Amino acid sequence: MKKSIVISLLTAACIIGTALCSFASTGIVTTDTLRLRKDASTNASIIALLSMNDKVEILEEKNGWYKVIAGEKEGYVSADYIKVLEETITPEETEAEEETNNTEEEKVENEENSEEVENTENIETTENAESEENTENKEEKVMVKALPAETKIYITPVINSLVTNTLEVESKVEVSSEVNGWSYITSGNIKGWVRTEIIVEKDEEEVEENSSQKIGYISATSINFREEANTSSNIITSLTKNTQVRVLRVEDGWAKIEYNGTKGYVSNKYISDKKVETTSRSAVNRTVKAKTTTNTDSGTDTASQGNATGSEIVAYAKKYLGYKYVYGGSTPSGFDCSGFTSYVFGHFGYSLSRTSSAQASNGKAISKSDLKVGDLICFARSSGSKTVGHVGIYIGGGQFIHAANSRKGVIISNVDGAGFYYVCARRIV
């Protein structure tokens, strides 16, 4: 009788042991958004939002709920939306692993004495190598998450939700969670949601340098924008009075600046912190790619004004059909909507503001019925809104060319197409 009981207990122990070995401790989320709650109840407070395919460590099951660890947070999720990943450890694997370990231990013991002297001689060399390696690692670049352009902060992860704040260019952020292409970020005292695709990883030193940069304005009637800090260097283009630039640094009387995504040099004495008062009839500053006369004493130049037709603007814009969309981009390497329009018009000597909302004030206001080829056309992102959030160039026939989004890049669309809500139009040329 006792022998039967002992056999039964041993059998039960084996079954339990097998079950424990084959119990899966990891799972993945199978729905777009899954709430991680403080307790196993739909009335419990939400700790975090999990996304599709997020992995969790399962601690226990309780009335249709899993107690899990997600990242550094612990809580409960509905078991209906977790797929358990099986991680089975078989007795054969355990036995094979033990045999391998025993063999390795014997080998180590046999070789230990013969290696003792050699190891003693190499200790100092190894320590020095490790010290050098640690020093090299300390000198590696520190990468941080940052926003490459001025960015709106939303109260919820929905494009038409309330905007609570705006972060400046090169703001460092910490991401605490991601949901359906949105990230919840913290930057100083500012918290909220931004599109995940906007966030980039950058060298911390570069971010610090860029965040300390300032906005400046050209104070001369016309000045050459050069590749290098000398008057013999190639001219990239000519910048006119009140053209906005980003000042990167100043050295030896030259300012290194960024304009329309291109970096170069101008004489620092013609950079002003504020716009210069002007009686120009046009609200559009013009930059000119034309033959210039150089004043080698001052390092500045004078140039004539440039011209373009609407058809020329459109023809040039169409050269970039199919080019990719990059948030904050304003070069052929990648455009966002306002970066594309400023790049195209800039090619012909017209300097537009950098954001879509600011471009809605450039040039001359015109009615929708008076649209002509080459006009700047402005849209809202939601029906009934008058806030400009997208821009493009009218090409005629009720169509416009624009940098749409990261999936489509530069394309041609109908002015009255779905998803575009006309606000106004501006005549630049």
Protein backbone atom coordinates (compact mmCIF):
# COMPACT_ATOMS: atom_id res chain seq x y z
CA MET A 1 0.00 0.00 0.00
CA LYS A 2 2.79 2.40 1.00
CA LYS A 3 4.70 1.49 -2.14
CA SER A 4 1.62 2.40 -4.26
CA ILE A 5 1.29 5.76 -2.54
CA VAL A 6 4.97 6.52 -3.08
CA ILE A 7 4.70 5.61 -6.78
CA SER A 8 1.57 7.78 -7.14
CA LEU A 9 3.32 10.75 -5.52
CA LEU A 10 6.35 10.35 -7.74
CA THR A 11 4.15 10.16 -10.84
CA ALA A 12 2.25 13.30 -9.81
CA ALA A 13 5.54 15.11 -9.18
CA CYS A 14 6.78 14.18 -12.64
CA ILE A 15 3.56 15.42 -14.25
CA ILE A 16 3.73 18.71 -12.33
CA GLY A 17 7.42 19.09 -13.18
CA THR A 18 6.72 18.48 -16.86
CA ALA A 19 3.88 21.00 -16.81
CA LEU A 20 6.10 23.60 -15.15
CA CYS A 21 8.87 23.02 -17.66
CA SER A 22 6.52 23.46 -20.61
CA PHE A 23 4.69 26.48 -19.12
CA ALA A 24 5.05 29.50 -21.37
CA SER A 25 6.17 32.63 -19.53
CA THR A 26 6.12 34.97 -22.55
CA GLY A 27 3.23 36.29 -24.61
CA ILE A 28 2.58 38.81 -27.38
CA VAL A 29 -0.24 41.34 -27.81
CA THR A 30 -2.69 40.42 -30.61
CA THR A 31 -4.71 43.65 -30.82
CA ASP A 32 -3.83 47.19 -31.95
CA THR A 33 -4.20 48.69 -28.47
CA LEU A 34 -4.37 46.78 -25.17
CA ARG A 35 -4.80 48.45 -21.78
CA LEU A 36 -2.44 47.45 -18.97
CA ARG A 37 -4.48 47.89 -15.77
CA LYS A 38 -3.56 48.08 -12.09
CA ASP A 39 -5.92 45.21 -11.14
CA ALA A 40 -7.75 42.40 -12.91
CA SER A 41 -10.85 44.48 -13.65
CA THR A 42 -12.10 46.80 -16.40
CA ASN A 43 -12.77 49.36 -13.68
CA ALA A 44 -9.13 49.40 -12.59
CA SER A 45 -6.95 52.37 -13.54
CA ILE A 46 -4.91 52.17 -16.74
CA ILE A 47 -1.13 52.02 -16.25
CA ALA A 48 -0.08 51.98 -19.91
CA LEU A 49 -1.22 51.18 -23.46
CA LEU A 50 0.36 48.21 -25.22
CA SER A 51 0.55 47.86 -29.01
CA MET A 52 0.30 44.99 -31.48
CA ASN A 53 3.15 42.43 -31.14
CA ASP A 54 4.46 43.92 -27.88
CA LYS A 55 6.01 41.14 -25.75
CA VAL A 56 5.05 40.64 -22.09
CA GLU A 57 6.23 38.32 -19.32
CA ILE A 58 3.31 36.35 -17.89
CA LEU A 59 3.41 35.92 -14.12
CA GLU A 60 0.04 34.29 -13.45
CA GLU A 61 -3.54 33.84 -14.73
CA LYS A 62 -6.53 35.11 -12.77
CA ASN A 63 -10.17 34.85 -13.89
CA GLY A 64 -9.48 35.51 -17.57
CA TRP A 65 -6.72 38.03 -16.86
CA TYR A 66 -2.95 37.68 -17.07
CA LYS A 67 -0.70 39.36 -14.55
CA VAL A 68 2.21 40.52 -16.72
CA ILE A 69 5.36 42.60 -16.80
CA ALA A 70 5.57 44.95 -19.81
CA GLY A 71 8.86 46.81 -19.93
CA GLU A 72 9.34 48.10 -16.41
CA LYS A 73 5.61 48.09 -15.57
CA GLU A 74 3.57 45.34 -13.92
CA GLY A 75 -0.19 44.97 -14.20
CA TYR A 76 -3.10 43.02 -15.66
CA VAL A 77 -4.33 42.52 -19.24
CA SER A 78 -7.21 40.55 -20.72
CA ALA A 79 -6.05 37.00 -21.56
CA ASP A 80 -8.19 37.12 -24.73
CA TYR A 81 -5.68 39.44 -26.40
CA ILE A 82 -2.45 37.65 -25.44
CA LYS A 83 -0.94 34.85 -27.51
CA VAL A 84 1.17 32.62 -25.30
CA LEU A 85 4.59 31.69 -26.71
CA GLU A 86 5.58 28.20 -25.59
CA GLU A 87 9.10 27.72 -24.27
CA THR A 88 9.44 23.99 -23.47
CA ILE A 89 12.48 22.52 -21.77
CA THR A 90 12.68 18.74 -22.39
CA PRO A 91 14.45 16.23 -20.11
CA GLU A 92 16.70 15.26 -23.05
CA GLU A 93 17.86 18.86 -23.43
CA THR A 94 18.56 19.10 -19.70
CA GLU A 95 20.52 15.83 -19.68
CA ALA A 96 22.53 16.82 -22.77
CA GLU A 97 23.31 20.21 -21.23
CA GLU A 98 24.51 18.57 -18.00
CA GLU A 99 26.77 16.17 -19.93
CA THR A 100 28.24 19.08 -21.90
CA ASN A 101 28.85 21.05 -18.71
CA ASN A 102 30.56 18.06 -17.04
CA THR A 103 32.85 17.58 -20.04
CA GLU A 104 33.75 21.28 -20.06
CA GLU A 105 34.46 21.22 -16.31
CA GLU A 106 36.84 18.25 -16.69
CA LYS A 107 38.60 20.00 -19.56
CA VAL A 108 39.01 23.17 -17.51
CA GLU A 109 40.44 21.24 -14.56
CA ASN A 110 42.99 19.50 -16.80
CA GLU A 111 44.13 22.74 -18.37
CA GLU A 112 43.97 24.90 -15.27
CA ASN A 113 47.47 24.17 -13.98
CA SER A 114 49.17 24.61 -17.34
CA GLU A 115 47.44 27.93 -17.94
CA GLU A 116 48.00 29.36 -14.46
CA VAL A 117 51.43 30.83 -15.23
CA GLU A 118 50.36 32.14 -18.62
CA ASN A 119 47.24 33.76 -17.14
CA THR A 120 49.37 35.46 -14.47
CA GLU A 121 51.59 36.96 -17.15
CA ASN A 122 48.61 38.13 -19.17
CA ILE A 123 46.63 39.72 -16.33
CA GLU A 124 48.31 43.09 -16.61
CA THR A 125 48.00 43.11 -20.43
CA THR A 126 44.31 42.16 -20.25
CA GLU A 127 43.57 44.79 -17.63
CA ASN A 128 45.30 47.44 -19.75
CA ALA A 129 43.37 46.36 -22.86
CA GLU A 130 40.10 46.46 -20.94
CA SER A 131 40.99 49.88 -19.59
CA GLU A 132 41.70 51.17 -23.10
CA GLU A 133 38.47 49.61 -24.39
CA ASN A 134 36.46 51.27 -21.61
CA THR A 135 38.10 54.61 -22.43
CA GLU A 136 37.18 54.19 -26.09
CA ASN A 137 33.61 53.30 -25.16
CA LYS A 138 33.33 56.42 -23.06
CA GLU A 139 34.26 58.47 -26.11
CA GLU A 140 31.48 56.96 -28.25
CA LYS A 141 28.69 59.27 -29.29
CA VAL A 142 25.67 59.47 -27.01
CA MET A 143 22.47 59.19 -29.03
CA VAL A 144 19.25 60.87 -27.89
CA LYS A 145 15.74 61.20 -29.28
CA ALA A 146 14.91 64.64 -30.68
CA LEU A 147 12.46 66.55 -32.88
CA PRO A 148 14.06 67.87 -36.11
CA ALA A 149 11.41 70.56 -36.64
CA GLU A 150 8.95 72.67 -34.68
CA THR A 151 6.33 70.17 -33.53
CA LYS A 152 2.78 70.41 -32.19
CA ILE A 153 1.96 68.42 -29.05
CA TYR A 154 -1.51 66.78 -28.97
CA ILE A 155 -3.60 65.90 -25.92
CA THR A 156 -4.61 62.49 -27.40
CA PRO A 157 -3.11 60.33 -30.19
CA VAL A 158 -5.51 61.66 -32.84
CA ILE A 159 -4.54 64.17 -35.56
CA ASN A 160 -7.59 66.40 -35.02
CA SER A 161 -7.37 66.43 -31.21
CA LEU A 162 -6.54 69.50 -29.13
CA VAL A 163 -3.01 70.92 -29.52
CA THR A 164 -1.71 71.64 -26.02
CA ASN A 165 1.74 72.99 -26.80
CA THR A 166 4.55 73.32 -29.37
CA LEU A 167 8.15 72.17 -29.03
CA GLU A 168 10.99 74.02 -30.73
CA VAL A 169 13.41 72.59 -33.28
CA GLU A 170 15.95 70.09 -31.80
CA SER A 171 14.00 69.60 -28.57
CA LYS A 172 15.17 66.47 -26.73
CA VAL A 173 12.33 64.11 -25.76
CA GLU A 174 11.79 60.94 -23.74
CA VAL A 175 9.30 58.41 -25.13
CA SER A 176 7.28 56.53 -22.49
CA SER A 177 4.81 54.66 -24.73
CA GLU A 178 3.77 54.15 -28.36
CA VAL A 179 0.28 53.58 -29.76
CA ASN A 180 -0.66 53.15 -33.43
CA GLY A 181 2.08 55.37 -34.85
CA TRP A 182 1.92 57.89 -31.98
CA SER A 183 4.40 58.38 -29.14
CA TYR A 184 3.74 59.86 -25.70
CA ILE A 185 6.71 62.12 -24.99
CA THR A 186 8.12 64.26 -22.21
CA SER A 187 10.36 67.27 -22.80
CA GLY A 188 11.00 69.29 -19.68
CA ASN A 189 7.57 70.19 -18.29
CA ILE A 190 5.80 69.50 -21.58
CA LYS A 191 4.03 66.17 -22.08
CA GLY A 192 1.74 64.86 -24.82
CA TRP A 193 1.45 62.92 -28.08
CA VAL A 194 3.39 63.33 -31.34
CA ARG A 195 3.64 61.19 -34.47
CA THR A 196 6.33 58.53 -33.97
CA GLU A 197 7.74 59.07 -37.48
CA ILE A 198 8.72 62.62 -36.48
CA ILE A 199 11.13 61.50 -33.74
CA VAL A 200 14.73 60.88 -34.77
CA GLU A 201 17.87 59.69 -33.01
CA LYS A 202 20.75 62.16 -33.04
CA ASP A 203 24.15 62.70 -31.50
CA GLU A 204 23.55 64.51 -28.20
CA GLU A 205 26.38 66.99 -28.91
CA GLU A 206 24.80 67.85 -32.27
CA VAL A 207 21.40 68.37 -30.64
CA GLU A 208 22.90 70.64 -27.99
CA GLU A 209 24.72 72.64 -30.68
CA ASN A 210 21.62 72.97 -32.86
CA SER A 211 19.35 73.91 -29.97
CA SER A 212 21.67 76.80 -29.14
CA GLN A 213 21.42 78.16 -32.67
CA LYS A 214 19.51 81.32 -33.40
CA ILE A 215 17.34 82.70 -36.18
CA GLY A 216 18.79 85.62 -38.12
CA TYR A 217 17.76 87.87 -41.02
CA ILE A 218 19.74 89.25 -43.95
CA SER A 219 20.13 93.02 -43.48
CA ALA A 220 21.78 93.82 -46.84
CA THR A 221 19.85 94.42 -50.07
CA SER A 222 21.55 91.37 -51.54
CA ILE A 223 24.37 89.15 -50.29
CA ASN A 224 26.05 86.06 -51.69
CA PHE A 225 25.59 82.74 -49.90
CA ARG A 226 28.90 80.88 -50.38
CA GLU A 227 30.17 77.32 -49.94
CA GLU A 228 33.23 78.40 -47.92
CA ALA A 229 34.14 81.33 -45.64
CA ASN A 230 35.98 83.43 -48.26
CA THR A 231 35.08 85.70 -51.19
CA SER A 232 36.72 83.35 -53.70
CA SER A 233 34.42 80.45 -52.82
CA ASN A 234 31.62 79.25 -55.11
CA ILE A 235 28.30 81.07 -54.76
CA ILE A 236 25.37 78.83 -53.83
CA THR A 237 22.76 81.56 -54.34
CA SER A 238 22.10 85.18 -53.35
CA LEU A 239 19.98 86.11 -50.36
CA THR A 240 18.00 89.33 -50.17
CA LYS A 241 16.95 91.61 -47.36
CA ASN A 242 14.96 89.97 -44.53
CA THR A 243 15.56 86.41 -45.77
CA GLN A 244 15.33 84.21 -42.67
CA VAL A 245 18.31 81.93 -41.96
CA ARG A 246 19.50 79.70 -39.13
CA VAL A 247 22.83 80.85 -37.73
CA LEU A 248 24.99 77.83 -36.83
CA ARG A 249 28.14 79.63 -35.65
CA VAL A 250 30.28 82.72 -36.23
CA GLU A 251 34.03 82.71 -36.88
CA ASP A 252 36.53 85.19 -38.37
CA GLY A 253 33.83 87.62 -39.51
CA TRP A 254 31.80 84.93 -41.32
CA ALA A 255 28.54 83.35 -40.21
CA LYS A 256 27.92 79.71 -41.03
CA ILE A 257 24.19 79.54 -41.76
CA GLU A 258 21.54 77.10 -42.95
CA TYR A 259 19.03 78.18 -45.57
CA ASN A 260 16.42 75.87 -47.13
CA GLY A 261 18.33 72.84 -45.85
CA THR A 262 21.66 74.01 -47.35
CA LYS A 263 24.63 75.10 -45.22
CA GLY A 264 27.10 77.80 -46.25
CA TYR A 265 28.63 81.16 -45.31
CA VAL A 266 27.79 84.87 -45.44
CA SER A 267 29.47 87.94 -43.96
CA ASN A 268 28.40 88.11 -40.31
CA LYS A 269 27.94 91.89 -40.29
CA TYR A 270 24.94 91.47 -42.60
CA ILE A 271 23.07 89.18 -40.19
CA SER A 272 20.48 90.89 -37.99
CA ASP A 273 18.49 89.53 -35.04
CA LYS A 274 15.36 91.25 -36.35
CA LYS A 275 13.83 91.97 -39.72
CA VAL A 276 14.82 95.26 -41.30
CA GLU A 277 11.98 97.66 -42.04
CA THR A 278 11.24 97.84 -45.76
CA THR A 279 8.79 99.59 -48.05
CA SER A 280 8.75 96.73 -50.57
CA ARG A 281 5.34 96.17 -52.11
CA SER A 282 5.79 92.41 -52.08
CA ALA A 283 5.52 90.34 -48.90
CA VAL A 284 7.73 87.73 -50.51
CA ASN A 285 11.49 88.00 -50.04
CA ARG A 286 13.41 87.07 -53.17
CA THR A 287 16.71 85.28 -53.49
CA VAL A 288 18.37 85.36 -56.86
CA LYS A 289 20.42 82.83 -58.78
CA ALA A 290 21.82 85.31 -61.27
CA LYS A 291 25.09 86.79 -62.48
CA THR A 292 26.49 88.97 -59.68
CA THR A 293 29.09 91.67 -59.14
CA THR A 294 31.38 91.00 -56.18
CA ASN A 295 32.65 93.60 -53.74
CA THR A 296 35.85 91.85 -52.61
CA ASP A 297 36.55 94.44 -49.89
CA SER A 298 33.43 93.62 -47.90
CA GLY A 299 32.79 90.08 -49.06
CA THR A 300 29.25 91.05 -50.16
CA ASP A 301 27.61 91.14 -53.58
CA THR A 302 24.90 92.94 -55.47
CA ALA A 303 22.48 91.23 -57.85
CA SER A 304 19.44 91.91 -60.03
CA GLN A 305 15.97 90.52 -59.25
CA GLY A 306 14.88 87.19 -60.85
CA ASN A 307 11.65 86.12 -62.53
CA ALA A 308 9.69 82.93 -63.24
CA THR A 309 6.33 81.99 -64.74
CA GLY A 310 3.77 79.72 -63.14
CA SER A 311 4.37 77.12 -65.86
CA GLU A 312 8.09 77.09 -65.10
CA ILE A 313 7.35 76.61 -61.41
CA VAL A 314 5.08 73.64 -62.14
CA ALA A 315 7.46 72.06 -64.68
CA TYR A 316 10.27 72.17 -62.13
CA ALA A 317 8.04 70.80 -59.35
CA LYS A 318 7.07 67.80 -61.51
CA LYS A 319 10.71 66.75 -61.73
CA TYR A 320 10.36 65.57 -58.15
CA LEU A 321 7.28 63.37 -58.60
CA GLY A 322 7.82 60.18 -56.65
CA TYR A 323 10.50 61.61 -54.36
CA LYS A 324 10.12 60.48 -50.75
CA TYR A 325 8.44 62.35 -47.91
CA VAL A 326 10.56 63.14 -44.82
CA TYR A 327 9.11 65.15 -41.96
CA GLY A 328 11.09 68.38 -41.62
CA GLY A 329 12.79 67.78 -44.99
CA SER A 330 13.35 70.52 -47.56
CA THR A 331 15.78 68.93 -50.04
CA PRO A 332 15.56 66.19 -52.70
CA SER A 333 16.76 63.78 -50.01
CA GLY A 334 13.26 64.11 -48.58
CA PHE A 335 10.50 66.76 -48.46
CA ASP A 336 7.61 67.56 -46.18
CA CYS A 337 4.78 69.66 -47.70
CA SER A 338 6.14 73.13 -46.87
CA GLY A 339 9.72 72.00 -47.45
CA PHE A 340 8.75 70.98 -50.99
CA THR A 341 7.04 74.28 -51.85
CA SER A 342 9.85 76.38 -50.35
CA TYR A 343 12.44 74.34 -52.28
CA VAL A 344 10.63 74.69 -55.63
CA PHE A 345 9.97 78.42 -55.30
CA GLY A 346 13.46 78.94 -53.85
CA HIS A 347 14.96 77.52 -57.06
CA PHE A 348 13.53 80.52 -58.92
CA GLY A 349 14.54 83.10 -56.31
CA TYR A 350 11.45 83.23 -54.07
CA SER A 351 11.90 82.63 -50.34
CA LEU A 352 8.83 81.28 -48.56
CA SER A 353 8.32 80.84 -44.83
CA ARG A 354 9.27 77.37 -43.60
CA THR A 355 5.95 76.12 -42.19
CA SER A 356 2.65 75.59 -43.99
CA SER A 357 0.73 77.88 -41.62
CA ALA A 358 3.27 80.69 -42.16
CA GLN A 359 3.26 80.20 -45.96
CA ALA A 360 -0.47 80.97 -45.90
CA SER A 361 0.57 84.60 -45.33
CA ASN A 362 3.19 84.78 -48.10
CA GLY A 363 2.48 86.49 -51.42
CA LYS A 364 -0.90 87.89 -52.41
CA ALA A 365 -4.27 86.43 -51.40
CA ILE A 366 -6.43 85.22 -54.30
CA SER A 367 -9.84 83.55 -54.53
CA LYS A 368 -10.30 79.90 -55.44
CA SER A 369 -12.01 80.90 -58.67
CA ASP A 370 -8.97 82.96 -59.68
CA LEU A 371 -6.45 80.11 -59.28
CA LYS A 372 -3.66 80.05 -61.86
CA VAL A 373 -0.88 77.60 -62.62
CA GLY A 374 1.96 78.07 -60.10
CA ASP A 375 -0.18 79.46 -57.25
CA LEU A 376 0.41 78.24 -53.70
CA ILE A 377 -2.65 76.43 -52.38
CA CYS A 378 -3.35 75.85 -48.66
CA PHE A 379 -5.44 73.22 -46.87
CA ALA A 380 -6.70 72.32 -43.40
CA ARG A 381 -6.37 68.80 -42.01
CA SER A 382 -9.99 68.51 -40.91
CA SER A 383 -13.38 69.56 -42.28
CA GLY A 384 -14.57 72.96 -41.10
CA SER A 385 -11.14 74.00 -39.80
CA LYS A 386 -9.45 77.17 -41.07
CA THR A 387 -6.04 76.27 -39.64
CA VAL A 388 -3.61 75.63 -42.48
CA GLY A 389 -1.74 72.35 -42.05
CA HIS A 390 -0.84 71.40 -45.62
CA VAL A 391 0.31 73.18 -48.79
CA GLY A 392 0.97 72.41 -52.44
CA ILE A 393 1.36 74.04 -55.87
CA TYR A 394 -1.59 74.40 -58.24
CA ILE A 395 -0.88 72.82 -61.66
CA GLY A 396 -4.22 73.55 -63.35
CA GLY A 397 -7.25 71.40 -64.14
CA GLY A 398 -8.33 71.27 -60.51
CA GLN A 399 -5.11 69.51 -59.46
CA PHE A 400 -2.05 70.31 -57.38
CA ILE A 401 1.38 68.79 -56.72
CA HIS A 402 2.54 68.25 -53.15
CA ALA A 403 4.58 66.13 -50.71
CA ALA A 404 1.67 64.13 -49.32
CA ASN A 405 2.94 61.78 -46.61
CA SER A 406 5.53 59.10 -45.85
CA ARG A 407 3.59 56.45 -47.81
CA LYS A 408 3.04 58.40 -51.04
CA GLY A 409 5.82 61.00 -51.22
CA VAL A 410 5.49 63.72 -53.90
CA ILE A 411 2.30 63.16 -55.90
CA ILE A 412 -0.45 64.97 -57.86
CA SER A 413 -3.93 65.11 -56.28
CA ASN A 414 -7.30 66.74 -56.88
CA VAL A 415 -7.85 70.02 -55.05
CA ASP A 416 -11.27 68.81 -53.88
CA GLY A 417 -10.10 65.24 -53.22
CA ALA A 418 -10.91 63.33 -50.06
CA GLY A 419 -8.76 64.31 -47.09
CA PHE A 420 -7.96 67.83 -48.35
CA TYR A 421 -9.95 70.79 -47.03
CA TYR A 422 -9.32 73.98 -49.02
CA VAL A 423 -8.60 77.10 -46.94
CA CYS A 424 -6.97 79.70 -49.22
CA ALA A 425 -4.56 80.36 -52.08
CA ARG A 426 -1.61 82.74 -52.44
CA ARG A 427 0.02 84.16 -55.56
CA ILE A 428 3.82 84.08 -55.19
CA VAL A 429 4.94 84.63 -58.79
